Amino acid sequence: MNQQTANTRTSTAHHDALQRLVRHWEHTYNTDVERLVQDCYAPDAHLCFNMAEVRGHAQLASVVKGLLAACPTRRMRVDRILFSGADTAIVEAVILDDARAEFYSPFCAILRIRDGKIVLDRTYLEPTRWPGLEGAMPHVSPGGLGSPDSIPR
């Protein structure tokens, strides 16, 4: 086997693992937010979006439970997964609201993965079009995308 073939197999294996994680992320967002936090995010995960951020399991659990309580009919649909290297998935997705068929809120997430868990989640969204966001806001921290603290070191 030549080096190019070996690299392709390694890359494919990494991408398959990332894709499985993203599909599990989607599934648990829709079915079990506690499993979402435990199964998909590293304990030291850092999430950045717009002008807010979340760090670690405890804060993330509060945020996702707040989202669910404010809009129990929301769900995520992942439409496309792209890869950057062996450790990053770029996700094109949409949030839908089963109670409002006309509702449609597209977003993009860049997920950096370490040891099979998300360590950095940079989600680009339109906050006025995210159902249940008001339930999450009391649990987030100031910061977010563009903040010097959101740049991993």
C-alpha atoms as a PDB file:
ATOM      1  CA  MET A   1       0.000   0.000   0.000  1.00  0.00           C
ATOM      2  CA  ASN A   2       1.383   3.377  -0.921  1.00  0.00           C
ATOM      3  CA  GLN A   3       1.365   6.447   1.370  1.00  0.00           C
ATOM      4  CA  GLN A   4      -1.470   8.164  -0.530  1.00  0.00           C
ATOM      5  CA  THR A   5      -3.742   5.130  -0.147  1.00  0.00           C
ATOM      6  CA  ALA A   6      -2.931   4.913   3.585  1.00  0.00           C
ATOM      7  CA  ASN A   7      -3.659   8.621   4.046  1.00  0.00           C
ATOM      8  CA  THR A   8      -6.956   8.300   2.167  1.00  0.00           C
ATOM      9  CA  ARG A   9      -8.057   5.384   4.366  1.00  0.00           C
ATOM     10  CA  THR A  10      -7.107   7.274   7.531  1.00  0.00           C
ATOM     11  CA  SER A  11      -8.924  10.377   6.322  1.00  0.00           C
ATOM     12  CA  THR A  12     -12.011   8.375   5.402  1.00  0.00           C
ATOM     13  CA  ALA A  13     -12.040   6.681   8.820  1.00  0.00           C
ATOM     14  CA  HIS A  14     -11.749  10.066  10.572  1.00  0.00           C
ATOM     15  CA  HIS A  15     -14.509  11.552   8.441  1.00  0.00           C
ATOM     16  CA  ASP A  16     -16.779   8.550   9.045  1.00  0.00           C
ATOM     17  CA  ALA A  17     -16.296   9.022  12.803  1.00  0.00           C
ATOM     18  CA  LEU A  18     -17.039  12.756  12.525  1.00  0.00           C
ATOM     19  CA  GLN A  19     -20.153  12.060  10.500  1.00  0.00           C
ATOM     20  CA  ARG A  20     -21.414   9.538  13.071  1.00  0.00           C
ATOM     21  CA  LEU A  21     -20.840  12.085  15.843  1.00  0.00           C
ATOM     22  CA  VAL A  22     -22.698  14.827  13.939  1.00  0.00           C
ATOM     23  CA  ARG A  23     -25.651  12.503  13.276  1.00  0.00           C
ATOM     24  CA  HIS A  24     -25.725  11.556  16.955  1.00  0.00           C
ATOM     25  CA  TRP A  25     -25.528  15.282  17.845  1.00  0.00           C
ATOM     26  CA  GLU A  26     -28.567  15.891  15.623  1.00  0.00           C
ATOM     27  CA  HIS A  27     -30.469  12.902  17.031  1.00  0.00           C
ATOM     28  CA  THR A  28     -29.849  13.740  20.696  1.00  0.00           C
ATOM     29  CA  TYR A  29     -30.679  17.437  20.148  1.00  0.00           C
ATOM     30  CA  ASN A  30     -34.073  16.217  18.960  1.00  0.00           C
ATOM     31  CA  THR A  31     -34.648  13.429  21.473  1.00  0.00           C
ATOM     32  CA  ASP A  32     -32.580  13.719  24.672  1.00  0.00           C
ATOM     33  CA  VAL A  33     -30.713  16.921  25.528  1.00  0.00           C
ATOM     34  CA  GLU A  34     -29.012  15.349  28.549  1.00  0.00           C
ATOM     35  CA  ARG A  35     -27.469  12.696  26.293  1.00  0.00           C
ATOM     36  CA  LEU A  36     -26.569  15.483  23.838  1.00  0.00           C
ATOM     37  CA  VAL A  37     -24.401  17.103  26.485  1.00  0.00           C
ATOM     38  CA  GLN A  38     -22.863  13.882  27.834  1.00  0.00           C
ATOM     39  CA  ASP A  39     -22.415  11.984  24.569  1.00  0.00           C
ATOM     40  CA  CYS A  40     -21.440  14.727  22.154  1.00  0.00           C
ATOM     41  CA  TYR A  41     -19.526  17.409  24.080  1.00  0.00           C
ATOM     42  CA  ALA A  42     -16.250  17.167  25.979  1.00  0.00           C
ATOM     43  CA  PRO A  43     -16.470  18.213  29.644  1.00  0.00           C
ATOM     44  CA  ASP A  44     -14.400  21.316  28.814  1.00  0.00           C
ATOM     45  CA  ALA A  45     -16.301  22.153  25.610  1.00  0.00           C
ATOM     46  CA  HIS A  46     -16.539  25.785  24.537  1.00  0.00           C
ATOM     47  CA  LEU A  47     -19.521  26.983  22.472  1.00  0.00           C
ATOM     48  CA  CYS A  48     -19.515  30.387  20.793  1.00  0.00           C
ATOM     49  CA  PHE A  49     -22.416  32.018  19.006  1.00  0.00           C
ATOM     50  CA  ASN A  50     -23.178  35.629  18.227  1.00  0.00           C
ATOM     51  CA  MET A  51     -22.620  37.586  21.438  1.00  0.00           C
ATOM     52  CA  ALA A  52     -22.723  34.705  23.929  1.00  0.00           C
ATOM     53  CA  GLU A  53     -20.745  31.663  24.908  1.00  0.00           C
ATOM     54  CA  VAL A  54     -21.051  28.514  26.971  1.00  0.00           C
ATOM     55  CA  ARG A  55     -18.295  26.587  28.710  1.00  0.00           C
ATOM     56  CA  GLY A  56     -18.517  23.045  30.028  1.00  0.00           C
ATOM     57  CA  HIS A  57     -21.205  20.482  30.663  1.00  0.00           C
ATOM     58  CA  ALA A  58     -23.022  22.205  33.542  1.00  0.00           C
ATOM     59  CA  GLN A  59     -23.597  25.461  31.688  1.00  0.00           C
ATOM     60  CA  LEU A  60     -24.428  23.666  28.436  1.00  0.00           C
ATOM     61  CA  ALA A  61     -26.984  21.456  30.193  1.00  0.00           C
ATOM     62  CA  SER A  62     -28.707  24.567  31.571  1.00  0.00           C
ATOM     63  CA  VAL A  63     -28.765  26.169  28.127  1.00  0.00           C
ATOM     64  CA  VAL A  64     -30.204  23.181  26.253  1.00  0.00           C
ATOM     65  CA  LYS A  65     -32.784  22.497  28.962  1.00  0.00           C
ATOM     66  CA  GLY A  66     -33.810  26.172  28.783  1.00  0.00           C
ATOM     67  CA  LEU A  67     -34.169  25.939  24.996  1.00  0.00           C
ATOM     68  CA  LEU A  68     -36.275  22.811  25.269  1.00  0.00           C
ATOM     69  CA  ALA A  69     -38.500  24.237  28.008  1.00  0.00           C
ATOM     70  CA  ALA A  70     -39.135  27.413  25.994  1.00  0.00           C
ATOM     71  CA  CYS A  71     -39.849  25.529  22.753  1.00  0.00           C
ATOM     72  CA  PRO A  72     -40.432  21.780  23.197  1.00  0.00           C
ATOM     73  CA  THR A  73     -41.483  21.441  19.539  1.00  0.00           C
ATOM     74  CA  ARG A  74     -38.168  22.644  18.045  1.00  0.00           C
ATOM     75  CA  ARG A  75     -35.935  20.211  16.178  1.00  0.00           C
ATOM     76  CA  MET A  76     -32.731  20.211  14.188  1.00  0.00           C
ATOM     77  CA  ARG A  77     -32.228  18.864  10.690  1.00  0.00           C
ATOM     78  CA  VAL A  78     -28.662  18.489   9.422  1.00  0.00           C
ATOM     79  CA  ASP A  79     -28.588  19.035   5.680  1.00  0.00           C
ATOM     80  CA  ARG A  80     -24.884  18.813   4.887  1.00  0.00           C
ATOM     81  CA  ILE A  81     -21.635  17.853   6.587  1.00  0.00           C
ATOM     82  CA  LEU A  82     -18.269  19.000   5.252  1.00  0.00           C
ATOM     83  CA  PHE A  83     -14.843  18.278   6.683  1.00  0.00           C
ATOM     84  CA  SER A  84     -11.741  20.320   7.337  1.00  0.00           C
ATOM     85  CA  GLY A  85      -8.882  18.041   8.180  1.00  0.00           C
ATOM     86  CA  ALA A  86      -9.406  15.056  10.433  1.00  0.00           C
ATOM     87  CA  ASP A  87     -10.821  16.954  13.411  1.00  0.00           C
ATOM     88  CA  THR A  88     -13.369  19.484  12.139  1.00  0.00           C
ATOM     89  CA  ALA A  89     -16.915  19.105  10.803  1.00  0.00           C
ATOM     90  CA  ILE A  90     -18.691  22.016   9.150  1.00  0.00           C
ATOM     91  CA  VAL A  91     -22.426  21.544   9.442  1.00  0.00           C
ATOM     92  CA  GLU A  92     -25.170  23.202   7.426  1.00  0.00           C
ATOM     93  CA  ALA A  93     -28.419  22.705   9.297  1.00  0.00           C
ATOM     94  CA  VAL A  94     -31.805  24.172  10.078  1.00  0.00           C
ATOM     95  CA  ILE A  95     -33.958  24.492  13.163  1.00  0.00           C
ATOM     96  CA  LEU A  96     -37.615  23.717  12.572  1.00  0.00           C
ATOM     97  CA  ASP A  97     -40.596  24.070  14.871  1.00  0.00           C
ATOM     98  CA  ASP A  98     -43.133  21.264  14.616  1.00  0.00           C
ATOM     99  CA  ALA A  99     -45.808  23.613  15.991  1.00  0.00           C
ATOM    100  CA  ARG A 100     -45.249  26.060  13.121  1.00  0.00           C
ATOM    101  CA  ALA A 101     -44.845  24.403   9.729  1.00  0.00           C
ATOM    102  CA  GLU A 102     -43.685  27.673   8.139  1.00  0.00           C
ATOM    103  CA  PHE A 103     -40.825  28.096  10.605  1.00  0.00           C
ATOM    104  CA  TYR A 104     -37.331  27.694   9.158  1.00  0.00           C
ATOM    105  CA  SER A 105     -34.084  28.940  10.712  1.00  0.00           C
ATOM    106  CA  PRO A 106     -30.884  27.911   8.917  1.00  0.00           C
ATOM    107  CA  PHE A 107     -27.557  27.913  10.730  1.00  0.00           C
ATOM    108  CA  CYS A 108     -23.969  26.791  10.315  1.00  0.00           C
ATOM    109  CA  ALA A 109     -21.831  25.136  12.982  1.00  0.00           C
ATOM    110  CA  ILE A 110     -18.116  24.526  12.877  1.00  0.00           C
ATOM    111  CA  LEU A 111     -17.382  21.676  15.266  1.00  0.00           C
ATOM    112  CA  ARG A 112     -13.848  20.823  16.356  1.00  0.00           C
ATOM    113  CA  ILE A 113     -13.557  17.274  17.669  1.00  0.00           C
ATOM    114  CA  ARG A 114     -11.069  15.704  20.083  1.00  0.00           C
ATOM    115  CA  ASP A 115     -11.268  12.079  21.227  1.00  0.00           C
ATOM    116  CA  GLY A 116     -14.737  11.657  19.710  1.00  0.00           C
ATOM    117  CA  LYS A 117     -16.307  14.677  21.465  1.00  0.00           C
ATOM    118  CA  ILE A 118     -16.960  18.274  20.456  1.00  0.00           C
ATOM    119  CA  VAL A 119     -14.458  20.607  22.136  1.00  0.00           C
ATOM    120  CA  LEU A 120     -15.280  23.769  20.199  1.00  0.00           C
ATOM    121  CA  ASP A 121     -18.654  24.637  18.657  1.00  0.00           C
ATOM    122  CA  ARG A 122     -18.872  27.877  16.707  1.00  0.00           C
ATOM    123  CA  THR A 123     -22.497  28.260  15.664  1.00  0.00           C
ATOM    124  CA  TYR A 124     -23.548  31.045  13.307  1.00  0.00           C
ATOM    125  CA  LEU A 125     -27.267  31.727  13.620  1.00  0.00           C
ATOM    126  CA  GLU A 126     -29.922  34.412  13.442  1.00  0.00           C
ATOM    127  CA  PRO A 127     -30.916  34.727  17.118  1.00  0.00           C
ATOM    128  CA  THR A 128     -34.321  36.252  16.430  1.00  0.00           C
ATOM    129  CA  ARG A 129     -35.224  33.127  14.445  1.00  0.00           C
ATOM    130  CA  TRP A 130     -34.147  30.434  16.918  1.00  0.00           C
ATOM    131  CA  PRO A 131     -37.143  29.003  18.768  1.00  0.00           C
ATOM    132  CA  GLY A 132     -36.663  28.820  22.497  1.00  0.00           C
ATOM    133  CA  LEU A 133     -33.578  31.033  22.598  1.00  0.00           C
ATOM    134  CA  GLU A 134     -35.204  33.178  25.265  1.00  0.00           C
ATOM    135  CA  GLY A 135     -35.125  30.136  27.544  1.00  0.00           C
ATOM    136  CA  ALA A 136     -31.374  29.766  27.068  1.00  0.00           C
ATOM    137  CA  MET A 137     -30.341  33.398  27.466  1.00  0.00           C
ATOM    138  CA  PRO A 138     -30.287  33.470  31.288  1.00  0.00           C
ATOM    139  CA  HIS A 139     -27.723  30.639  31.200  1.00  0.00           C
ATOM    140  CA  VAL A 140     -25.154  31.949  28.689  1.00  0.00           C
ATOM    141  CA  SER A 141     -22.125  34.138  29.343  1.00  0.00           C
ATOM    142  CA  PRO A 142     -21.211  37.342  27.531  1.00  0.00           C
ATOM    143  CA  GLY A 143     -18.616  36.857  24.817  1.00  0.00           C
ATOM    144  CA  GLY A 144     -19.217  34.781  21.748  1.00  0.00           C
ATOM    145  CA  LEU A 145     -17.987  35.003  18.194  1.00  0.00           C
ATOM    146  CA  GLY A 146     -15.457  37.715  17.653  1.00  0.00           C
ATOM    147  CA  SER A 147     -14.511  37.902  21.320  1.00  0.00           C
ATOM    148  CA  PRO A 148     -10.766  37.514  21.961  1.00  0.00           C
ATOM    149  CA  ASP A 149     -11.629  34.881  24.585  1.00  0.00           C
ATOM    150  CA  SER A 150     -13.336  32.714  21.960  1.00  0.00           C
ATOM    151  CA  ILE A 151     -10.056  32.011  20.178  1.00  0.00           C
ATOM    152  CA  PRO A 152      -8.612  28.695  21.395  1.00  0.00           C
ATOM    153  CA  ARG A 153      -5.020  28.734  22.481  1.00  0.00           C
END
